Protein backbone atom coordinates (compact mmCIF):
# COMPACT_ATOMS: atom_id res chain seq x y z
CA UNK A 1 19.14 -1.29 -34.08
CA UNK A 2 16.98 -0.02 -36.94
CA UNK A 3 14.33 -2.15 -38.60
CA UNK A 4 16.50 -2.73 -41.71
CA UNK A 5 19.43 -3.88 -39.53
CA UNK A 6 17.18 -6.33 -37.68
CA UNK A 7 15.89 -7.75 -40.97
CA UNK A 8 19.49 -8.11 -42.17
CA UNK A 9 20.41 -9.95 -38.94
CA UNK A 10 17.66 -12.51 -39.55
CA UNK A 11 18.76 -12.93 -43.18
CA UNK A 12 22.42 -13.32 -42.20
CA UNK A 13 21.49 -16.33 -40.04
CA UNK A 14 19.46 -17.93 -42.83
CA UNK A 15 16.00 -17.05 -41.53
CA UNK A 16 13.27 -14.55 -42.20
CA UNK A 17 11.27 -12.44 -39.81
CA UNK A 18 8.20 -14.63 -40.31
CA UNK A 19 9.59 -18.19 -40.24
CA UNK A 20 12.55 -18.03 -37.85
CA UNK A 21 10.70 -19.32 -34.81
CA UNK A 22 9.12 -22.32 -36.54
CA UNK A 23 12.43 -23.23 -38.26
CA UNK A 24 14.47 -23.10 -35.06
CA UNK A 25 11.76 -24.96 -33.12
CA UNK A 26 11.73 -27.67 -35.79
CA UNK A 27 15.53 -27.96 -35.64
CA UNK A 28 15.46 -28.19 -31.84
CA UNK A 29 12.82 -30.92 -32.02
CA UNK A 30 14.95 -32.84 -34.54
CA UNK A 31 18.01 -32.46 -32.28
CA UNK A 32 15.97 -33.68 -29.28
CA UNK A 33 14.89 -36.74 -31.28
CA UNK A 34 18.52 -37.40 -32.28
CA UNK A 35 19.62 -37.12 -28.64
CA UNK A 36 16.97 -39.63 -27.61
CA UNK A 37 18.08 -42.06 -30.35
CA UNK A 38 21.74 -41.70 -29.35
CA UNK A 39 20.81 -42.18 -25.69
CA UNK A 40 18.94 -45.38 -26.58
CA UNK A 41 21.93 -46.64 -28.59
CA UNK A 42 24.23 -45.81 -25.68
CA UNK A 43 21.96 -47.69 -23.28
CA UNK A 44 21.95 -50.75 -25.57
CA UNK A 45 25.73 -50.66 -25.87
CA UNK A 46 26.11 -50.27 -22.09
CA UNK A 47 23.84 -53.28 -21.59
CA UNK A 48 25.91 -55.31 -24.07
CA UNK A 49 29.08 -54.19 -22.30
CA UNK A 50 27.75 -55.29 -18.90
CA UNK A 51 26.51 -58.58 -20.33
CA UNK A 52 29.97 -59.16 -21.79
CA UNK A 53 31.52 -58.43 -18.40
CA UNK A 54 29.15 -60.93 -16.75
CA UNK A 55 29.99 -63.51 -19.44
CA UNK A 56 33.70 -63.00 -18.89
CA UNK A 57 33.26 -63.45 -15.13
CA UNK A 58 31.46 -66.81 -15.50
CA UNK A 59 33.39 -69.81 -14.18
CA UNK A 60 32.52 -73.47 -13.97
CA UNK A 61 30.71 -74.58 -10.83
CA UNK A 62 30.19 -70.94 -9.87
CA UNK A 63 26.70 -69.41 -9.71
CA UNK A 64 25.66 -66.99 -12.41
CA UNK A 65 24.98 -63.54 -10.87
CA UNK A 66 21.91 -63.16 -13.10
CA UNK A 67 20.17 -66.56 -13.09
CA UNK A 68 22.08 -68.44 -10.36
CA UNK A 69 22.87 -71.42 -12.58
CA UNK A 70 26.06 -73.41 -11.91
CA UNK A 71 26.30 -74.75 -15.46
CA UNK A 72 27.24 -72.40 -18.34
CA UNK A 73 27.10 -74.45 -21.57
CA UNK A 74 26.85 -71.52 -24.04
CA UNK A 75 28.07 -68.18 -22.64
CA UNK A 76 27.36 -65.03 -24.66
CA UNK A 77 30.10 -63.76 -26.94
CA UNK A 78 30.16 -59.96 -26.94
CA UNK A 79 32.56 -57.86 -29.02
CA UNK A 80 34.24 -54.82 -27.53
CA UNK A 81 31.88 -51.82 -27.81
CA UNK A 82 34.19 -49.16 -26.36
CA UNK A 83 34.92 -47.65 -29.79
CA UNK A 84 31.21 -47.42 -30.58
CA UNK A 85 30.58 -45.81 -27.18
CA UNK A 86 33.31 -43.25 -27.88
CA UNK A 87 31.78 -42.38 -31.23
CA UNK A 88 28.37 -42.02 -29.61
CA UNK A 89 29.85 -39.74 -26.94
CA UNK A 90 31.41 -37.55 -29.64
CA UNK A 91 28.11 -37.38 -31.55
CA UNK A 92 26.24 -36.53 -28.33
CA UNK A 93 28.73 -33.77 -27.56
CA UNK A 94 28.42 -32.36 -31.08
CA UNK A 95 24.62 -32.47 -31.02
CA UNK A 96 24.54 -30.95 -27.52
CA UNK A 97 26.75 -28.09 -28.67
CA UNK A 98 24.49 -27.57 -31.68
CA UNK A 99 21.47 -27.60 -29.37
CA UNK A 100 23.08 -24.97 -27.12
CA UNK A 101 23.93 -22.85 -30.16
CA UNK A 102 20.35 -23.05 -31.41
CA UNK A 103 18.99 -22.20 -27.96
CA UNK A 104 21.33 -19.21 -27.76
CA UNK A 105 20.32 -18.20 -31.30
CA UNK A 106 16.65 -18.64 -30.31
CA UNK A 107 17.12 -16.35 -27.33
CA UNK A 108 18.97 -13.78 -29.46
CA UNK A 109 16.37 -13.88 -32.22
CA UNK A 110 13.59 -13.60 -29.66
CA UNK A 111 15.13 -10.33 -28.53
CA UNK A 112 15.55 -9.27 -32.18
CA UNK A 113 11.94 -10.15 -32.92
CA UNK A 114 10.73 -8.20 -29.91
CA UNK A 115 12.82 -5.22 -30.98
CA UNK A 116 11.56 -5.63 -34.59
CA UNK A 117 7.94 -5.64 -33.41
CA UNK A 118 8.61 -2.58 -31.24
CA UNK A 119 10.17 -0.77 -34.21
CA UNK A 120 7.23 -1.81 -36.36
CA UNK A 121 4.78 -0.48 -33.79
CA UNK A 122 6.78 2.74 -33.54
CA UNK A 123 6.75 3.08 -37.33
CA UNK A 124 3.01 2.51 -37.43
CA UNK A 125 2.54 5.04 -34.65
CA UNK A 126 4.76 7.54 -36.48
CA UNK A 127 2.83 6.98 -39.70
CA UNK A 128 -0.42 7.40 -37.82
CA UNK A 129 0.81 10.59 -36.16
CA UNK A 130 2.01 11.85 -39.56
CA UNK A 131 -1.39 11.11 -41.07
CA UNK A 132 -3.14 12.88 -38.19
CA UNK A 133 -0.76 15.82 -38.55
CA UNK A 134 -1.46 15.96 -42.31
CA UNK A 135 -5.19 15.86 -41.63
CA UNK A 136 -4.91 18.59 -39.02
CA UNK A 137 -2.69 20.65 -41.33
CA UNK A 138 -5.19 20.22 -44.20
CA UNK A 139 -8.06 21.20 -41.92
CA UNK A 140 -6.13 24.24 -40.68
CA UNK A 141 -5.34 25.25 -44.27
CA UNK A 142 -9.02 24.89 -45.17
CA UNK A 143 -10.17 26.90 -42.19
CA UNK A 144 -7.51 29.60 -42.70
CA UNK A 145 -9.50 32.81 -43.31
CA UNK A 146 -7.32 35.72 -42.15
CA UNK A 147 -7.24 38.67 -44.49
CA UNK A 148 -3.91 40.10 -45.63
CA UNK A 149 -2.20 36.79 -44.58
CA UNK A 150 -1.17 33.58 -46.32
CA UNK A 151 -0.87 30.21 -44.60
CA UNK A 152 2.38 29.45 -46.41
CA UNK A 153 3.99 32.84 -45.66
CA UNK A 154 4.85 33.52 -42.01
CA UNK A 155 6.86 36.69 -42.67
CA UNK A 156 3.94 39.14 -42.56
CA UNK A 157 2.40 37.23 -39.67
CA UNK A 158 5.62 37.41 -37.65
CA UNK A 159 5.94 41.15 -38.41
CA UNK A 160 2.35 41.80 -37.28
CA UNK A 161 2.90 39.55 -34.29
CA UNK A 162 6.04 41.48 -33.30
CA UNK A 163 4.28 44.83 -33.79
CA UNK A 164 1.30 43.62 -31.79
CA UNK A 165 3.54 42.45 -28.95
CA UNK A 166 5.31 45.82 -28.92
CA UNK A 167 1.97 47.59 -28.90
CA UNK A 168 0.81 45.37 -26.09
CA UNK A 169 3.98 46.17 -24.16
CA UNK A 170 3.52 49.92 -24.77
CA UNK A 171 -0.14 49.73 -23.76
CA UNK A 172 0.79 47.82 -20.59
CA UNK A 173 3.48 50.40 -19.80
CA UNK A 174 1.01 53.23 -20.50
CA UNK A 175 -1.59 51.52 -18.32
CA UNK A 176 0.92 51.18 -15.50
CA UNK A 177 1.99 54.86 -15.91
CA UNK A 178 -1.65 55.96 -16.04
CA UNK A 179 -2.39 53.99 -12.93
CA UNK A 180 0.61 55.55 -11.18
CA UNK A 181 -0.44 59.05 -12.29
CA UNK A 182 -3.96 58.47 -11.11
CA UNK A 183 -2.61 57.46 -7.73
CA UNK A 184 -0.40 60.56 -7.65
CA UNK A 185 -3.37 62.71 -8.72
CA UNK A 186 -5.51 61.27 -5.96
CA UNK A 187 -2.75 61.91 -3.43
CA UNK A 188 -2.22 65.48 -4.75
CA UNK A 189 -5.95 66.24 -4.63
CA UNK A 190 -6.08 64.87 -1.10
CA UNK A 191 -3.12 67.03 -0.05
CA UNK A 192 -4.59 70.11 -1.77
CA UNK A 193 -7.90 69.63 -0.01
CA UNK A 194 -6.07 69.17 3.28
CA UNK A 195 -3.94 72.30 2.74
CA UNK A 196 -7.02 74.27 1.66
CA UNK A 197 -8.81 73.30 4.86
CA UNK A 198 -5.75 74.30 6.90
CA UNK A 199 -5.57 77.64 5.01
CA UNK A 200 -9.21 78.36 5.74
CA UNK A 201 -8.68 77.59 9.40
CA UNK A 202 -5.64 79.88 9.56
CA UNK A 203 -7.59 82.65 7.78
CA UNK A 204 -10.37 82.33 10.29
CA UNK A 205 -7.88 82.44 13.18
CA UNK A 206 -6.28 85.60 11.71
CA UNK A 207 -9.70 87.22 11.37
CA UNK A 208 -10.47 86.37 14.98
CA UNK A 209 -7.16 87.84 16.15
CA UNK A 210 -7.69 91.00 14.06
CA UNK A 211 -11.11 91.39 15.64
CA UNK A 212 -9.61 91.03 19.11
CA UNK A 213 -6.98 93.66 18.29
CA UNK A 214 -9.63 96.07 17.04
CA UNK A 215 -11.73 95.42 20.10
CA UNK A 216 -8.78 96.02 22.40
CA UNK A 217 -7.89 99.25 20.54
CA UNK A 218 -11.41 100.49 21.06
CA UNK A 219 -11.13 99.75 24.74
CA UNK A 220 -8.09 102.06 25.17
CA UNK A 221 -9.22 105.29 26.86
CA UNK A 222 -7.40 108.63 27.44
CA UNK A 223 -6.98 109.49 31.10
CA UNK A 224 -8.36 112.84 32.31
CA UNK A 225 -6.51 114.32 35.31
CA UNK A 226 -9.59 116.14 36.52
CA UNK A 227 -11.27 112.79 37.12
CA UNK A 228 -8.71 111.94 39.83
CA UNK A 229 -8.51 115.23 41.74
CA UNK A 230 -10.80 114.07 44.47
CA UNK A 231 -8.81 110.82 45.06
CA UNK A 232 -6.16 110.59 47.73
CA UNK A 233 -2.60 109.43 47.16
CA UNK A 234 -3.11 105.85 48.34
CA UNK A 235 -6.04 105.27 45.98
CA UNK A 236 -4.05 106.69 43.12
CA UNK A 237 -1.07 104.49 43.91
CA UNK A 238 -3.24 101.41 44.09
CA UNK A 239 -4.94 102.28 40.80
CA UNK A 240 -1.53 102.97 39.22
CA UNK A 241 -0.27 99.60 40.37
CA UNK A 242 -3.34 97.87 38.96
CA UNK A 243 -2.92 99.75 35.68
CA UNK A 244 0.75 98.76 35.45
CA UNK A 245 -0.11 95.10 36.09
CA UNK A 246 -2.83 95.29 33.43
CA UNK A 247 -0.33 96.86 31.02
CA UNK A 248 2.17 94.07 31.69
CA UNK A 249 -0.42 91.38 31.13
CA UNK A 250 -1.64 93.11 28.00
CA UNK A 251 1.90 93.36 26.66
CA UNK A 252 2.48 89.67 27.34
CA UNK A 253 -0.78 88.78 25.60
CA UNK A 254 0.20 91.05 22.71
CA UNK A 255 3.54 89.35 22.39
CA UNK A 256 1.92 85.90 22.52
CA UNK A 257 -0.70 86.85 19.94
CA UNK A 258 1.91 88.50 17.72
CA UNK A 259 4.05 85.34 17.82
CA UNK A 260 0.98 83.26 16.98
CA UNK A 261 0.17 85.61 14.09
CA UNK A 262 3.71 85.37 12.78
CA UNK A 263 3.61 81.59 13.06
CA UNK A 264 0.26 81.48 11.27
CA UNK A 265 1.61 83.73 8.53
CA UNK A 266 4.53 81.33 8.09
CA UNK A 267 2.23 78.33 7.97
CA UNK A 268 -0.10 80.08 5.54
CA UNK A 269 2.84 80.89 3.29
CA UNK A 270 3.99 77.27 3.42
CA UNK A 271 0.49 75.98 2.73
CA UNK A 272 0.08 78.40 -0.15
CA UNK A 273 3.38 77.16 -1.60
CA UNK A 274 2.35 73.49 -1.27
CA UNK A 275 -1.07 74.33 -2.69
CA UNK A 276 0.59 75.98 -5.68
CA UNK A 277 2.90 72.98 -6.12
CA UNK A 278 0.01 70.51 -5.83
CA UNK A 279 -1.97 72.53 -8.35
CA UNK A 280 0.94 72.43 -10.77
CA UNK A 281 1.29 68.64 -10.23
CA UNK A 282 -2.40 68.25 -10.81
CA UNK A 283 -2.21 70.17 -14.07
CA UNK A 284 0.82 68.14 -15.17
CA UNK A 285 -0.97 64.88 -14.30
CA UNK A 286 -4.03 65.95 -16.27
CA UNK A 287 -1.79 66.74 -19.23
CA UNK A 288 -0.07 63.32 -18.97
CA UNK A 289 -3.46 61.57 -18.78
CA UNK A 290 -4.62 63.44 -21.87
CA UNK A 291 -1.40 62.48 -23.62
CA UNK A 292 -1.81 58.81 -22.66
CA UNK A 293 -5.43 58.83 -23.81
CA UNK A 294 -4.27 60.27 -27.12
CA UNK A 295 -1.60 57.56 -27.42
CA UNK A 296 -4.16 54.85 -26.61
CA UNK A 297 -6.48 56.23 -29.29
CA UNK A 298 -3.56 56.24 -31.74
CA UNK A 299 -2.77 52.59 -30.95
CA UNK A 300 -6.43 51.68 -31.34
CA UNK A 301 -6.50 53.29 -34.78
CA UNK A 302 -3.23 51.61 -35.80
CA UNK A 303 -4.48 48.17 -34.70
CA UNK A 304 -7.87 48.69 -36.39
CA UNK A 305 -9.70 48.07 -33.13
CA UNK A 306 -13.44 48.90 -32.90
CA UNK A 307 -12.91 51.95 -30.68
CA UNK A 308 -12.49 53.11 -27.11
CA UNK A 309 -16.18 52.65 -26.37
CA UNK A 310 -16.11 49.04 -27.47
CA UNK A 311 -12.97 48.45 -25.40
CA UNK A 312 -14.66 50.03 -22.37
CA UNK A 313 -17.68 47.79 -22.87
CA UNK A 314 -15.38 44.75 -23.02
CA UNK A 315 -13.60 45.86 -19.85
CA UNK A 316 -16.94 46.34 -18.10
CA UNK A 317 -17.87 42.71 -18.76
CA UNK A 318 -15.36 41.51 -16.12
CA UNK A 319 -13.95 38.84 -18.39
CA UNK A 320 -11.59 36.23 -16.85
CA UNK A 321 -8.41 37.84 -18.10
CA UNK A 322 -6.07 35.38 -16.38
CA UNK A 323 -7.93 32.36 -17.73
CA UNK A 324 -8.10 33.83 -21.24
CA UNK A 325 -4.37 34.58 -21.19
CA UNK A 326 -3.72 31.03 -20.01
CA UNK A 327 -5.88 29.64 -22.82
CA UNK A 328 -4.04 31.78 -25.35
CA UNK A 329 -0.70 30.68 -23.91
CA UNK A 330 -1.74 27.01 -23.98
CA UNK A 331 -2.90 27.41 -27.57
CA UNK A 332 0.44 28.94 -28.53
CA UNK A 333 2.33 26.15 -26.78
CA UNK A 334 0.18 23.49 -28.45
CA UNK A 335 0.58 25.19 -31.83
CA UNK A 336 4.36 25.40 -31.46
CA UNK A 337 4.52 21.78 -30.27
CA UNK A 338 2.47 20.59 -33.22
CA UNK A 339 4.59 22.67 -35.57
CA UNK A 340 7.74 21.13 -34.08
CA UNK A 341 6.32 17.61 -34.42
CA UNK A 342 5.41 18.29 -38.05
CA UNK A 343 8.97 19.53 -38.70
CA UNK A 344 10.50 16.49 -36.99
CA UNK A 345 8.23 14.10 -38.85
CA UNK A 346 9.01 15.80 -42.16
CA UNK A 347 12.73 15.47 -41.41
CA UNK A 348 12.60 11.89 -40.06
CA UNK A 349 13.95 9.01 -42.12
CA UNK A 350 10.64 7.16 -41.75
CA UNK A 351 8.87 9.91 -43.70
CA UNK A 352 11.66 10.38 -46.22
CA UNK A 353 11.74 6.62 -46.88
CA UNK A 354 7.96 6.40 -46.83
CA UNK A 355 6.62 3.57 -48.99
CA UNK A 356 3.03 4.10 -50.12
CA UNK A 357 2.50 0.41 -50.92
CA UNK A 358 3.87 -0.64 -47.53
CA UNK A 359 1.69 1.98 -45.89
CA UNK A 360 -1.42 0.64 -47.66
CA UNK A 361 -0.56 -2.93 -46.68
CA UNK A 362 0.05 -1.83 -43.11
CA UNK A 363 -3.24 0.05 -43.17
CA UNK A 364 -5.08 -3.06 -44.39
CA UNK A 365 -3.35 -5.16 -41.71
CA UNK A 366 -4.32 -2.55 -39.13
CA UNK A 367 -7.95 -2.73 -40.19
CA UNK A 368 -7.84 -6.53 -40.05
CA UNK A 369 -6.26 -6.40 -36.60
CA UNK A 370 -8.90 -3.90 -35.50
CA UNK A 371 -11.62 -6.29 -36.69
CA UNK A 372 -9.89 -9.19 -34.95
CA UNK A 373 -9.52 -7.01 -31.86
CA UNK A 374 -13.21 -6.18 -31.89
CA UNK A 375 -14.04 -9.87 -32.26
CA UNK A 376 -11.66 -10.60 -29.41
CA UNK A 377 -13.36 -7.92 -27.32
CA UNK A 378 -16.76 -9.48 -28.06
CA UNK A 379 -15.37 -12.93 -27.24
CA UNK A 380 -13.81 -11.50 -24.08
CA UNK A 381 -17.17 -10.00 -23.10
CA UNK A 382 -18.83 -13.36 -23.57
CA UNK A 383 -16.08 -15.02 -21.52
CA UNK A 384 -16.47 -12.38 -18.80
CA UNK A 385 -20.19 -13.02 -18.67
CA UNK A 386 -19.53 -16.76 -18.53
CA UNK A 387 -16.91 -16.16 -15.82
CA UNK A 388 -19.40 -14.09 -13.85
CA UNK A 389 -21.97 -16.88 -14.20
CA UNK A 390 -19.41 -19.46 -13.10
CA UNK A 391 -18.39 -17.28 -10.15
CA UNK A 392 -22.04 -17.00 -9.12
CA UNK A 393 -22.45 -20.75 -9.49
CA UNK A 394 -19.21 -21.31 -7.60
CA UNK A 395 -20.47 -19.10 -4.79
CA UNK A 396 -23.72 -21.09 -4.74
CA UNK A 397 -21.63 -24.26 -4.74
CA UNK A 398 -19.66 -22.98 -1.76
CA UNK A 399 -22.85 -22.28 0.15
CA UNK A 400 -24.23 -25.70 -0.81
CA UNK A 401 -20.97 -27.37 0.27
CA UNK A 402 -21.15 -25.55 3.60
CA UNK A 403 -24.74 -26.71 4.07
CA UNK A 404 -23.71 -30.21 2.93
CA UNK A 405 -20.89 -30.32 5.48
CA UNK A 406 -23.30 -29.34 8.24
CA UNK A 407 -25.83 -31.96 7.10
CA UNK A 408 -23.06 -34.56 6.70
CA UNK A 409 -21.81 -33.82 10.21
CA UNK A 410 -25.36 -34.10 11.50
CA UNK A 411 -25.77 -37.35 9.56
CA UNK A 412 -22.60 -38.75 11.18
CA UNK A 413 -23.87 -37.78 14.61
CA UNK A 414 -27.23 -39.37 13.90
CA UNK A 415 -25.53 -42.53 12.58
CA UNK A 416 -23.41 -42.62 15.74
CA UNK A 417 -26.53 -42.29 17.88
CA UNK A 418 -28.29 -44.94 15.79
CA UNK A 419 -25.38 -47.37 16.19
CA UNK A 420 -25.28 -46.59 19.90
CA UNK A 421 -28.92 -47.46 20.42
CA UNK A 422 -28.67 -50.67 18.41
CA UNK A 423 -28.18 -53.70 20.68
CA UNK A 424 -25.75 -52.82 23.46
CA UNK A 425 -24.14 -49.93 21.66
CA UNK A 426 -25.41 -47.27 24.03
CA UNK A 427 -24.42 -49.36 27.03
CA UNK A 428 -20.93 -49.79 25.57
CA UNK A 429 -20.73 -46.02 24.89
CA UNK A 430 -21.71 -45.10 28.46
CA UNK A 431 -19.43 -47.83 29.80
CA UNK A 432 -16.53 -46.43 27.75
CA UNK A 433 -17.07 -42.98 29.26
CA UNK A 434 -17.21 -44.30 32.84
CA UNK A 435 -14.29 -46.68 32.33
CA UNK A 436 -12.18 -43.90 30.81
CA UNK A 437 -13.04 -41.66 33.76
CA UNK A 438 -12.17 -44.55 36.10
CA UNK A 439 -8.77 -44.95 34.34
CA UNK A 440 -8.09 -41.21 34.65
CA UNK A 441 -8.74 -41.34 38.42
CA UNK A 442 -6.79 -44.58 38.87
CA UNK A 443 -3.79 -43.28 36.93
CA UNK A 444 -3.29 -40.54 39.52
CA UNK A 445 -2.16 -43.22 42.01
CA UNK A 446 -0.97 -45.83 39.49
CA UNK A 447 1.64 -43.40 38.14
CA UNK A 448 2.89 -42.81 41.67
CA UNK A 449 3.01 -46.55 42.47
CA UNK A 450 4.84 -47.44 39.24
CA UNK A 451 7.06 -44.34 39.30
CA UNK A 452 5.51 -43.10 36.01
CA UNK A 453 6.55 -46.27 34.20
CA UNK A 454 3.02 -47.56 33.38
CA UNK A 455 -0.35 -46.02 32.60
CA UNK A 456 -3.87 -47.52 32.35
CA UNK A 457 -6.02 -46.97 29.25
CA UNK A 458 -9.24 -48.38 27.68
CA UNK A 459 -9.12 -49.79 24.13
CA UNK A 460 -11.96 -49.84 21.61
CA UNK A 461 -13.28 -53.13 23.02
CA UNK A 462 -13.56 -51.55 26.52
CA UNK A 463 -10.69 -53.71 27.76
CA UNK A 464 -7.97 -52.49 30.09
CA UNK A 465 -4.50 -51.99 28.62
CA UNK A 466 -1.30 -50.47 29.89
CA UNK A 467 1.16 -48.10 28.24
CA UNK A 468 4.74 -49.15 28.91
CA UNK A 469 6.82 -45.96 28.85
CA UNK A 470 10.02 -47.96 29.31
CA UNK A 471 9.23 -49.69 26.00
CA UNK A 472 8.66 -46.55 23.84
CA UNK A 473 5.01 -46.25 24.91
CA UNK A 474 4.06 -49.74 23.69
CA UNK A 475 0.42 -50.77 24.42
CA UNK A 476 -0.11 -54.21 25.97
CA UNK A 477 -2.82 -56.07 27.87
CA UNK A 478 -3.05 -55.95 31.66
CA UNK A 479 -2.77 -59.73 31.56
CA UNK A 480 0.93 -59.32 30.81
CA UNK A 481 1.54 -57.52 34.13
CA UNK A 482 3.42 -59.26 36.89
CA UNK A 483 1.72 -60.21 40.13
CA UNK A 484 2.87 -57.07 41.94
CA UNK A 485 2.00 -54.79 39.02
CA UNK A 486 -1.39 -56.47 38.72
CA UNK A 487 -2.06 -55.85 42.43
CA UNK A 488 -1.07 -52.20 42.01
CA UNK A 489 -3.43 -51.80 39.03
CA UNK A 490 -6.29 -53.57 40.88
CA UNK A 491 -5.71 -51.42 43.99
CA UNK A 492 -5.76 -48.17 41.97
CA UNK A 493 -8.91 -49.20 40.06
CA UNK A 494 -10.62 -50.23 43.31
CA UNK A 495 -9.77 -46.93 44.94
CA UNK A 496 -10.96 -45.03 41.87
CA UNK A 497 -14.23 -46.98 41.88
CA UNK A 498 -14.68 -46.24 45.59
CA UNK A 499 -14.10 -42.52 45.02
CA UNK A 500 -16.57 -42.52 42.15
CA UNK A 501 -19.23 -44.25 44.26
CA UNK A 502 -18.52 -41.90 47.17
CA UNK A 503 -19.01 -38.86 44.90
CA UNK A 504 -22.30 -40.27 43.61
CA UNK A 505 -23.57 -41.11 47.13
CA UNK A 506 -22.20 -37.85 48.60
CA UNK A 507 -20.90 -39.71 51.67
CA UNK A 508 -18.16 -38.20 53.81
CA UNK A 509 -16.76 -41.59 54.93
CA UNK A 510 -16.57 -45.03 53.37
CA UNK A 511 -14.45 -48.11 53.67
CA UNK A 512 -13.69 -51.32 51.81
CA UNK A 513 -11.59 -54.45 52.27
CA UNK A 514 -8.62 -55.56 50.23
CA UNK A 515 -8.12 -59.36 50.05
CA UNK A 516 -5.55 -59.91 47.33
CA UNK A 517 -1.89 -59.98 46.49
CA UNK A 518 -0.02 -58.82 49.59
CA UNK A 519 1.83 -62.08 49.84
CA UNK A 520 3.27 -61.63 46.35
CA UNK A 521 4.77 -58.16 46.91
CA UNK A 522 8.42 -57.53 47.57
CA UNK A 523 9.59 -55.21 50.32
CA UNK A 524 9.89 -52.12 48.09
CA UNK A 525 6.41 -52.60 46.57
CA UNK A 526 5.01 -53.22 50.06
CA UNK A 527 6.41 -49.91 51.26
CA UNK A 528 4.88 -48.10 48.28
CA UNK A 529 1.47 -49.76 48.92
CA UNK A 530 1.48 -48.84 52.59
CA UNK A 531 2.47 -45.26 51.83
CA UNK A 532 -0.51 -45.09 49.47
CA UNK A 533 -2.83 -46.59 52.11
CA UNK A 534 -1.63 -44.09 54.72
CA UNK A 535 -2.30 -41.30 52.23
CA UNK A 536 -5.83 -42.69 51.83
CA UNK A 537 -6.32 -42.63 55.59
CA UNK A 538 -5.63 -38.89 55.51
CA UNK A 539 -8.43 -38.58 52.96
CA UNK A 540 -10.98 -39.74 55.58
CA UNK A 541 -11.18 -43.25 54.09
CA UNK A 542 -10.97 -46.54 56.04
CA UNK A 543 -9.29 -49.46 54.28
CA UNK A 544 -9.39 -53.01 55.61
CA UNK A 545 -6.78 -55.56 54.52
CA UNK A 546 -7.37 -59.33 54.64
CA UNK A 547 -4.06 -61.19 54.56
CA UNK A 548 -2.15 -64.04 56.18
CA UNK A 549 1.24 -62.31 56.01
CA UNK A 550 2.70 -61.92 59.49
CA UNK A 551 4.83 -58.96 58.44
CA UNK A 552 1.70 -56.86 58.06
CA UNK A 553 1.07 -56.93 61.81
CA UNK A 554 4.01 -54.60 62.34
CA UNK A 555 2.80 -52.16 59.69
CA UNK A 556 -0.96 -52.02 60.35
CA UNK A 557 -1.78 -49.77 63.35
CA UNK A 558 -5.00 -51.62 64.18
CA UNK A 559 -5.85 -55.23 63.32
CA UNK A 560 -8.55 -57.83 63.86
CA UNK A 561 -7.27 -61.39 64.35
CA UNK A 562 -9.55 -64.42 63.93
CA UNK A 563 -8.48 -67.53 65.90
CA UNK A 564 -10.08 -70.91 65.21
CA UNK A 565 -10.89 -72.76 68.45
CA UNK A 566 -12.20 -76.34 68.35
CA UNK A 567 -14.36 -75.86 71.41
CA UNK A 568 -15.43 -72.23 71.20
CA UNK A 569 -15.30 -71.77 67.44
CA UNK A 570 -13.85 -68.62 65.85
CA UNK A 571 -12.56 -66.02 68.30
CA UNK A 572 -12.03 -62.39 67.19
CA UNK A 573 -9.35 -60.27 68.92
CA UNK A 574 -8.70 -56.55 68.46
CA UNK A 575 -5.14 -55.30 68.77
CA UNK A 576 -3.43 -51.92 68.12
């Protein structure tokens, strides 16, 4: 949607762009207040309805459900409020629907407002870009200083640009052709030099062969018959044979040398032909180079360039050609982009419908917002500095809290030690440790005797208690144990105390007497006790039992019986 359409949407709903939010918020608050009032009225009517129901249910000699009274002299008379409740329900439904409509309208207008602000920002940005483009265009017009050109007439510029591009293309093609011809010239010169060296070598070889032929001709001698008159026939035959062999060898050498000469003549003719061809190519290449140089000079004169010498000096500077071409290309792209943006902005509806007064107001608002933004930045800087200070203080606070926790923990430990050394506190502390250790040792056997049903512990008053696992782990005093359970607890504590004393004295054997409770045990508990005592015997411990129960005689392997005699006194007998 365009900005005008959004403004029309606000107007169609009875609001403006500036006051829609406050108006709808006020209406929602009013609706909320109405809903609360209707809810209160409904609650009052419901209370009256319930009171009327209670009043209708009252009967003589029956208790009132509210006060419990049996006498009801003046019951409340309540009219039927169902019609009023129905009207309230209808009003609540109507107001709720209105509230939902306003909330939906609020959501829709929020989106419209966001879109309106976005369009406004886009318009401001477009106006700003247009202003910047106008400023850049004005600056470019001011700086325009090309002779024979006008800034508002691109025709001549485009013609010169096209001609320049064609000239550049022709120069590039000429440069490439010149480069190719130079390569061909270098190759032709190399071949000519090579052929010339080969020709000289062949000439030298021919001269050598001609010298050998002349030398051999001079060596031919005419034979005089008189010189051989004194020789016999065998010597003459031998000399004839040698002469014939020499003639054969000479003929073969002559044939070989003649073939070599013919071959060299052929090669020399071929080399001379290639040399002539290379010379012609060289002359043609020189002519083409001269022609290209003349064309380059013509282009230089047509383009009003400073001259070939100046161009050579520029080429000798080793300028970054690729980078310069890239910069020129980037400039052209930027120029064309800017030109396109200017054209689009000139054709856009925002520029065509440009309002100078609105632009000035927007400009003033922009300056005010810039000032407010700068103030906000300054305020933000102050807040950041304050935040940094608070963070530093918070870090210090963290360190101080850590130190405080350590000191507080040390204070608690010192207070504990102080309380321990006051009166009998330390004695109670040490006693608690030893009694707890004693319970831990005793529980190892007490659990076995009670089949993990009971456990001994020490409370805060250093008194023995038991945990009853059959009763959800309930803690109770040892005084509540039965006689058998009490004997089992006493036996386990006594054994634990004996083990503790043995460990302190480092003795390998010890013994003690038990004089309690065997007469109160049933058969099953007695078996468990004796199994425990036999286990103790395996631990290198001697246990003595003092009891009057006759049944023990059958269970104890060794016993001491004391018999009271009136004449002899007490008599001790050992039996096993």
